[in-house]
Amino acid sequence: MIETTAAATDADPVQACPIAPVVDLVFSRWTTPILWTLNEYGRQRFVELQRRIGVITPKVLTQRLRQLERDGLITREYFAEVPPRVEYDISPLGRSLAPLFHSLAEWSPNLAKVEAARIHFDTTQPPNRRP
């Protein structure tokens, strides 16, 4: 008889999908728009970022910027002026994600095909099979 332990039977999520931690880091709710904006437009002040991203609240933007700075994906520079000025920029580590953003931008025209597939599915499947 072979005895199994919980550790042996539980799949390690990182081994099951090694990109899962990257997806969690890069594709959280507001991370992608912030990183994309900084990569696309360069160094920006808080208000500029907020305007470009659109519907993000100041509180959430502040939280995400702090987390991204902690993760090493952006830099924050404080200028002791009157009034004080703070600028954010994508770090070299964050910039290393640029090819990923480029690939996703190239793939984005496929969203029309995704929408067509959804419409087809919704019109051909019985109601109990629809999401």
N, C-alpha and C. Protein backbone atom coordinates (compact mmCIF):
# COMPACT_ATOMS: atom_id res chain seq x y z
N MET A 1 0.84 -1.18 0.00
CA MET A 1 0.00 0.00 0.00
C MET A 1 0.88 1.24 0.00
N ILE A 2 0.57 2.18 -0.87
CA ILE A 2 1.33 3.43 -0.95
C ILE A 2 0.58 4.48 -0.16
N GLU A 3 1.30 5.09 0.73
CA GLU A 3 0.70 6.13 1.58
C GLU A 3 0.98 7.48 0.94
N THR A 4 -0.05 8.31 0.81
CA THR A 4 0.14 9.66 0.26
C THR A 4 -0.12 10.68 1.35
N THR A 5 0.59 11.78 1.25
CA THR A 5 0.38 12.87 2.20
C THR A 5 -0.34 14.00 1.48
N ALA A 6 -0.85 14.91 2.25
CA ALA A 6 -1.54 16.06 1.66
C ALA A 6 -0.60 16.84 0.76
N ALA A 7 0.67 16.95 1.17
CA ALA A 7 1.65 17.70 0.37
C ALA A 7 1.88 17.01 -0.97
N ALA A 8 1.87 15.70 -0.97
CA ALA A 8 2.12 14.97 -2.21
C ALA A 8 0.91 15.02 -3.14
N THR A 9 -0.29 15.12 -2.61
CA THR A 9 -1.49 15.10 -3.45
C THR A 9 -1.94 16.50 -3.87
N ASP A 10 -1.58 17.51 -3.12
CA ASP A 10 -1.97 18.88 -3.49
C ASP A 10 -1.01 19.39 -4.57
N ALA A 11 -1.57 19.86 -5.66
CA ALA A 11 -0.75 20.40 -6.74
C ALA A 11 -0.23 21.78 -6.34
N ASP A 12 1.04 22.00 -6.62
CA ASP A 12 1.65 23.32 -6.39
C ASP A 12 1.18 24.23 -7.52
N PRO A 13 0.44 25.31 -7.20
CA PRO A 13 -0.09 26.18 -8.27
C PRO A 13 1.00 26.73 -9.19
N VAL A 14 2.18 27.00 -8.65
CA VAL A 14 3.26 27.54 -9.49
C VAL A 14 3.75 26.46 -10.46
N GLN A 15 3.82 25.22 -10.00
CA GLN A 15 4.21 24.15 -10.90
C GLN A 15 3.12 23.87 -11.92
N ALA A 16 1.87 23.97 -11.50
CA ALA A 16 0.75 23.73 -12.41
C ALA A 16 0.70 24.79 -13.51
N CYS A 17 0.99 26.02 -13.16
CA CYS A 17 0.99 27.13 -14.13
C CYS A 17 2.05 28.14 -13.70
N PRO A 18 3.26 28.02 -14.24
CA PRO A 18 4.35 28.88 -13.78
C PRO A 18 4.16 30.37 -14.07
N ILE A 19 3.22 30.70 -14.96
CA ILE A 19 3.00 32.13 -15.22
C ILE A 19 1.95 32.74 -14.31
N ALA A 20 1.28 31.93 -13.49
CA ALA A 20 0.23 32.44 -12.61
C ALA A 20 0.70 33.59 -11.72
N PRO A 21 1.87 33.51 -11.08
CA PRO A 21 2.31 34.65 -10.26
C PRO A 21 2.54 35.92 -11.08
N VAL A 22 2.99 35.76 -12.32
CA VAL A 22 3.20 36.92 -13.20
C VAL A 22 1.85 37.54 -13.56
N VAL A 23 0.89 36.69 -13.90
CA VAL A 23 -0.45 37.18 -14.23
C VAL A 23 -1.05 37.91 -13.03
N ASP A 24 -0.90 37.34 -11.84
CA ASP A 24 -1.42 37.99 -10.63
C ASP A 24 -0.77 39.35 -10.42
N LEU A 25 0.51 39.45 -10.67
CA LEU A 25 1.25 40.70 -10.46
C LEU A 25 0.89 41.75 -11.51
N VAL A 26 0.92 41.37 -12.76
CA VAL A 26 0.79 42.34 -13.86
C VAL A 26 -0.65 42.65 -14.23
N PHE A 27 -1.55 41.68 -14.06
CA PHE A 27 -2.90 41.87 -14.56
C PHE A 27 -3.93 42.06 -13.46
N SER A 28 -3.51 42.57 -12.32
CA SER A 28 -4.50 42.91 -11.31
C SER A 28 -5.28 44.13 -11.80
N ARG A 29 -6.37 44.42 -11.17
CA ARG A 29 -7.38 45.38 -11.66
C ARG A 29 -6.83 46.66 -12.27
N TRP A 30 -5.97 47.36 -11.59
CA TRP A 30 -5.51 48.66 -12.10
C TRP A 30 -4.04 48.66 -12.49
N THR A 31 -3.34 47.59 -12.25
CA THR A 31 -1.91 47.55 -12.54
C THR A 31 -1.63 47.73 -14.03
N THR A 32 -2.32 46.99 -14.86
CA THR A 32 -2.06 47.05 -16.29
C THR A 32 -2.28 48.45 -16.86
N PRO A 33 -3.40 49.13 -16.59
CA PRO A 33 -3.55 50.48 -17.14
C PRO A 33 -2.47 51.45 -16.66
N ILE A 34 -2.05 51.32 -15.40
CA ILE A 34 -1.01 52.22 -14.87
C ILE A 34 0.31 51.96 -15.58
N LEU A 35 0.72 50.69 -15.65
CA LEU A 35 1.99 50.36 -16.29
C LEU A 35 1.96 50.70 -17.77
N TRP A 36 0.85 50.40 -18.43
CA TRP A 36 0.76 50.72 -19.86
C TRP A 36 0.86 52.22 -20.09
N THR A 37 0.17 52.99 -19.27
CA THR A 37 0.18 54.45 -19.42
C THR A 37 1.59 55.01 -19.21
N LEU A 38 2.27 54.56 -18.16
CA LEU A 38 3.63 55.04 -17.91
C LEU A 38 4.59 54.60 -19.00
N ASN A 39 4.41 53.39 -19.51
CA ASN A 39 5.27 52.91 -20.58
C ASN A 39 5.01 53.70 -21.86
N GLU A 40 3.76 53.98 -22.13
CA GLU A 40 3.38 54.66 -23.37
C GLU A 40 3.70 56.15 -23.36
N TYR A 41 3.46 56.83 -22.23
CA TYR A 41 3.57 58.28 -22.18
C TYR A 41 4.75 58.79 -21.35
N GLY A 42 5.43 57.91 -20.64
CA GLY A 42 6.58 58.32 -19.84
C GLY A 42 6.20 58.91 -18.50
N ARG A 43 7.16 59.57 -17.89
CA ARG A 43 7.04 60.15 -16.55
C ARG A 43 5.81 61.06 -16.46
N GLN A 44 5.04 60.89 -15.36
CA GLN A 44 3.83 61.68 -15.19
C GLN A 44 3.57 61.99 -13.74
N ARG A 45 2.86 63.07 -13.55
CA ARG A 45 2.38 63.41 -12.21
C ARG A 45 1.10 62.64 -11.94
N PHE A 46 0.72 62.60 -10.67
CA PHE A 46 -0.45 61.85 -10.22
C PHE A 46 -1.70 62.22 -11.02
N VAL A 47 -1.96 63.52 -11.15
CA VAL A 47 -3.17 63.99 -11.83
C VAL A 47 -3.16 63.60 -13.31
N GLU A 48 -1.99 63.66 -13.94
CA GLU A 48 -1.90 63.25 -15.34
C GLU A 48 -2.26 61.76 -15.50
N LEU A 49 -1.71 60.95 -14.61
CA LEU A 49 -2.01 59.52 -14.63
C LEU A 49 -3.51 59.29 -14.44
N GLN A 50 -4.07 59.96 -13.47
CA GLN A 50 -5.50 59.78 -13.18
C GLN A 50 -6.35 60.17 -14.39
N ARG A 51 -6.00 61.25 -15.05
CA ARG A 51 -6.76 61.69 -16.24
C ARG A 51 -6.66 60.68 -17.37
N ARG A 52 -5.46 60.17 -17.59
CA ARG A 52 -5.26 59.23 -18.70
C ARG A 52 -5.95 57.89 -18.45
N ILE A 53 -5.97 57.46 -17.20
CA ILE A 53 -6.58 56.17 -16.87
C ILE A 53 -8.10 56.30 -16.84
N GLY A 54 -8.60 57.43 -16.38
CA GLY A 54 -10.03 57.67 -16.45
C GLY A 54 -10.77 57.45 -15.15
N VAL A 55 -11.38 56.30 -14.99
CA VAL A 55 -12.34 56.09 -13.92
C VAL A 55 -11.74 55.66 -12.58
N ILE A 56 -10.46 55.63 -12.44
CA ILE A 56 -9.83 55.22 -11.19
C ILE A 56 -9.96 56.32 -10.13
N THR A 57 -10.25 55.94 -8.90
CA THR A 57 -10.36 56.93 -7.83
C THR A 57 -8.97 57.29 -7.31
N PRO A 58 -8.81 58.47 -6.72
CA PRO A 58 -7.50 58.84 -6.17
C PRO A 58 -7.01 57.84 -5.13
N LYS A 59 -7.90 57.34 -4.28
CA LYS A 59 -7.51 56.39 -3.25
C LYS A 59 -6.93 55.11 -3.87
N VAL A 60 -7.62 54.57 -4.85
CA VAL A 60 -7.18 53.33 -5.49
C VAL A 60 -5.89 53.57 -6.27
N LEU A 61 -5.79 54.70 -6.95
CA LEU A 61 -4.56 55.02 -7.68
C LEU A 61 -3.38 55.11 -6.72
N THR A 62 -3.57 55.75 -5.60
CA THR A 62 -2.51 55.85 -4.59
C THR A 62 -2.09 54.46 -4.11
N GLN A 63 -3.06 53.62 -3.80
CA GLN A 63 -2.75 52.26 -3.34
C GLN A 63 -1.98 51.47 -4.38
N ARG A 64 -2.43 51.53 -5.62
CA ARG A 64 -1.76 50.77 -6.68
C ARG A 64 -0.36 51.32 -6.95
N LEU A 65 -0.20 52.64 -6.93
CA LEU A 65 1.12 53.22 -7.16
C LEU A 65 2.09 52.79 -6.06
N ARG A 66 1.64 52.77 -4.83
CA ARG A 66 2.50 52.32 -3.73
C ARG A 66 2.90 50.87 -3.91
N GLN A 67 1.93 50.02 -4.30
CA GLN A 67 2.23 48.60 -4.50
C GLN A 67 3.20 48.41 -5.66
N LEU A 68 3.00 49.14 -6.74
CA LEU A 68 3.88 49.02 -7.90
C LEU A 68 5.29 49.51 -7.58
N GLU A 69 5.38 50.54 -6.76
CA GLU A 69 6.70 51.02 -6.32
C GLU A 69 7.36 49.95 -5.45
N ARG A 70 6.60 49.37 -4.55
CA ARG A 70 7.11 48.30 -3.68
C ARG A 70 7.59 47.11 -4.51
N ASP A 71 6.85 46.78 -5.58
CA ASP A 71 7.21 45.65 -6.44
C ASP A 71 8.39 45.98 -7.36
N GLY A 72 8.79 47.25 -7.40
CA GLY A 72 9.92 47.64 -8.24
C GLY A 72 9.56 47.89 -9.69
N LEU A 73 8.25 48.01 -9.99
CA LEU A 73 7.82 48.21 -11.36
C LEU A 73 7.72 49.67 -11.77
N ILE A 74 7.63 50.57 -10.78
CA ILE A 74 7.63 52.01 -11.06
C ILE A 74 8.56 52.70 -10.07
N THR A 75 8.91 53.94 -10.40
CA THR A 75 9.68 54.77 -9.47
C THR A 75 8.87 56.00 -9.15
N ARG A 76 9.12 56.55 -7.98
CA ARG A 76 8.43 57.75 -7.52
C ARG A 76 9.51 58.76 -7.14
N GLU A 77 9.39 59.96 -7.69
CA GLU A 77 10.35 61.00 -7.35
C GLU A 77 9.62 62.19 -6.74
N TYR A 78 10.06 62.56 -5.55
CA TYR A 78 9.46 63.67 -4.82
C TYR A 78 10.35 64.90 -5.00
N PHE A 79 9.74 66.03 -5.34
CA PHE A 79 10.46 67.28 -5.50
C PHE A 79 9.99 68.23 -4.39
N ALA A 80 10.92 68.65 -3.55
CA ALA A 80 10.60 69.54 -2.42
C ALA A 80 10.48 70.96 -2.93
N GLU A 81 9.35 71.24 -3.54
CA GLU A 81 9.07 72.56 -4.08
C GLU A 81 7.81 73.08 -3.41
N VAL A 82 7.46 74.31 -3.74
CA VAL A 82 6.19 74.86 -3.26
C VAL A 82 5.35 75.17 -4.49
N PRO A 83 4.27 74.46 -4.70
CA PRO A 83 3.80 73.30 -3.95
C PRO A 83 4.65 72.06 -4.28
N PRO A 84 4.64 71.06 -3.42
CA PRO A 84 5.43 69.85 -3.67
C PRO A 84 4.97 69.16 -4.96
N ARG A 85 5.91 68.51 -5.59
CA ARG A 85 5.61 67.81 -6.85
C ARG A 85 6.12 66.37 -6.74
N VAL A 86 5.30 65.44 -7.23
CA VAL A 86 5.68 64.02 -7.25
C VAL A 86 5.47 63.52 -8.68
N GLU A 87 6.47 62.81 -9.19
CA GLU A 87 6.36 62.24 -10.52
C GLU A 87 6.61 60.74 -10.46
N TYR A 88 5.88 60.03 -11.30
CA TYR A 88 5.98 58.57 -11.38
C TYR A 88 6.50 58.20 -12.75
N ASP A 89 7.30 57.14 -12.77
CA ASP A 89 7.84 56.65 -14.03
C ASP A 89 7.93 55.14 -13.97
N ILE A 90 7.92 54.51 -15.11
CA ILE A 90 8.08 53.06 -15.14
C ILE A 90 9.56 52.76 -14.95
N SER A 91 9.86 51.77 -14.14
CA SER A 91 11.24 51.40 -13.87
C SER A 91 11.76 50.50 -15.00
N PRO A 92 13.06 50.25 -15.03
CA PRO A 92 13.58 49.30 -16.03
C PRO A 92 12.90 47.92 -15.90
N LEU A 93 12.64 47.49 -14.67
CA LEU A 93 11.94 46.22 -14.48
C LEU A 93 10.54 46.28 -15.08
N GLY A 94 9.82 47.38 -14.83
CA GLY A 94 8.50 47.55 -15.42
C GLY A 94 8.56 47.66 -16.93
N ARG A 95 9.59 48.34 -17.44
CA ARG A 95 9.75 48.50 -18.89
C ARG A 95 10.02 47.15 -19.56
N SER A 96 10.57 46.20 -18.80
CA SER A 96 10.81 44.88 -19.39
C SER A 96 9.51 44.18 -19.76
N LEU A 97 8.38 44.70 -19.29
CA LEU A 97 7.07 44.16 -19.66
C LEU A 97 6.56 44.72 -20.99
N ALA A 98 7.27 45.69 -21.57
CA ALA A 98 6.82 46.32 -22.81
C ALA A 98 6.55 45.32 -23.93
N PRO A 99 7.40 44.30 -24.14
CA PRO A 99 7.07 43.33 -25.20
C PRO A 99 5.74 42.60 -24.95
N LEU A 100 5.44 42.36 -23.69
CA LEU A 100 4.17 41.73 -23.34
C LEU A 100 3.01 42.64 -23.71
N PHE A 101 3.12 43.93 -23.36
CA PHE A 101 2.07 44.89 -23.71
C PHE A 101 1.92 44.99 -25.23
N HIS A 102 3.06 44.98 -25.94
CA HIS A 102 3.04 45.07 -27.40
C HIS A 102 2.32 43.85 -27.99
N SER A 103 2.63 42.67 -27.47
CA SER A 103 1.98 41.44 -27.96
C SER A 103 0.48 41.48 -27.71
N LEU A 104 0.09 41.94 -26.52
CA LEU A 104 -1.34 42.03 -26.22
C LEU A 104 -2.03 43.05 -27.11
N ALA A 105 -1.36 44.17 -27.39
CA ALA A 105 -1.94 45.18 -28.28
C ALA A 105 -2.11 44.61 -29.69
N GLU A 106 -1.13 43.81 -30.15
CA GLU A 106 -1.25 43.18 -31.46
C GLU A 106 -2.40 42.18 -31.50
N TRP A 107 -2.66 41.51 -30.37
CA TRP A 107 -3.71 40.50 -30.31
C TRP A 107 -5.09 41.14 -30.17
N SER A 108 -5.17 42.36 -29.71
CA SER A 108 -6.45 42.97 -29.37
C SER A 108 -7.47 43.02 -30.51
N PRO A 109 -7.08 43.09 -31.79
CA PRO A 109 -8.13 43.01 -32.83
C PRO A 109 -8.93 41.71 -32.77
N ASN A 110 -8.40 40.68 -32.15
CA ASN A 110 -9.13 39.41 -31.99
C ASN A 110 -10.33 39.54 -31.06
N LEU A 111 -10.42 40.64 -30.33
CA LEU A 111 -11.57 40.83 -29.44
C LEU A 111 -12.88 40.82 -30.21
N ALA A 112 -12.85 41.29 -31.46
CA ALA A 112 -14.06 41.25 -32.29
C ALA A 112 -14.46 39.79 -32.54
N LYS A 113 -13.48 38.91 -32.73
CA LYS A 113 -13.77 37.49 -32.93
C LYS A 113 -14.31 36.86 -31.64
N VAL A 114 -13.79 37.28 -30.51
CA VAL A 114 -14.29 36.80 -29.22
C VAL A 114 -15.75 37.20 -29.06
N GLU A 115 -16.06 38.45 -29.37
CA GLU A 115 -17.44 38.91 -29.25
C GLU A 115 -18.36 38.15 -30.20
N ALA A 116 -17.89 37.88 -31.43
CA ALA A 116 -18.69 37.10 -32.39
C ALA A 116 -18.91 35.68 -31.86
N ALA A 117 -17.88 35.09 -31.25
CA ALA A 117 -18.03 33.74 -30.70
C ALA A 117 -19.03 33.74 -29.55
N ARG A 118 -19.01 34.77 -28.74
CA ARG A 118 -19.97 34.87 -27.63
C ARG A 118 -21.40 34.96 -28.15
N ILE A 119 -21.59 35.80 -29.15
CA ILE A 119 -22.93 35.96 -29.72
C ILE A 119 -23.40 34.64 -30.31
N HIS A 120 -22.51 33.97 -31.04
CA HIS A 120 -22.86 32.68 -31.63
C HIS A 120 -23.24 31.68 -30.54
N PHE A 121 -22.42 31.60 -29.50
CA PHE A 121 -22.69 30.68 -28.40
C PHE A 121 -24.03 30.99 -27.76
N ASP A 122 -24.25 32.26 -27.45
CA ASP A 122 -25.48 32.66 -26.76
C ASP A 122 -26.73 32.40 -27.59
N THR A 123 -26.60 32.44 -28.90
CA THR A 123 -27.78 32.23 -29.75
C THR A 123 -27.98 30.78 -30.14
N THR A 124 -26.98 29.93 -29.94
CA THR A 124 -27.11 28.52 -30.34
C THR A 124 -27.21 27.55 -29.19
N GLN A 125 -26.90 27.98 -27.99
CA GLN A 125 -26.93 27.07 -26.84
C GLN A 125 -28.26 27.19 -26.11
N PRO A 126 -28.71 26.08 -25.55
CA PRO A 126 -29.92 26.16 -24.73
C PRO A 126 -29.67 27.03 -23.50
N PRO A 127 -30.71 27.63 -22.95
CA PRO A 127 -30.53 28.56 -21.80
C PRO A 127 -29.75 27.97 -20.64
N ASN A 128 -29.88 26.65 -20.37
CA ASN A 128 -29.17 26.09 -19.23
C ASN A 128 -27.67 25.93 -19.47
N ARG A 129 -27.18 26.15 -20.69
CA ARG A 129 -25.74 26.05 -21.01
C ARG A 129 -25.08 27.43 -21.09
N ARG A 130 -25.86 28.47 -20.98
CA ARG A 130 -25.31 29.82 -21.09
C ARG A 130 -24.71 30.26 -19.77
N PRO A 131 -23.64 31.06 -19.84
CA PRO A 131 -23.02 31.53 -18.58
C PRO A 131 -23.91 32.48 -17.81
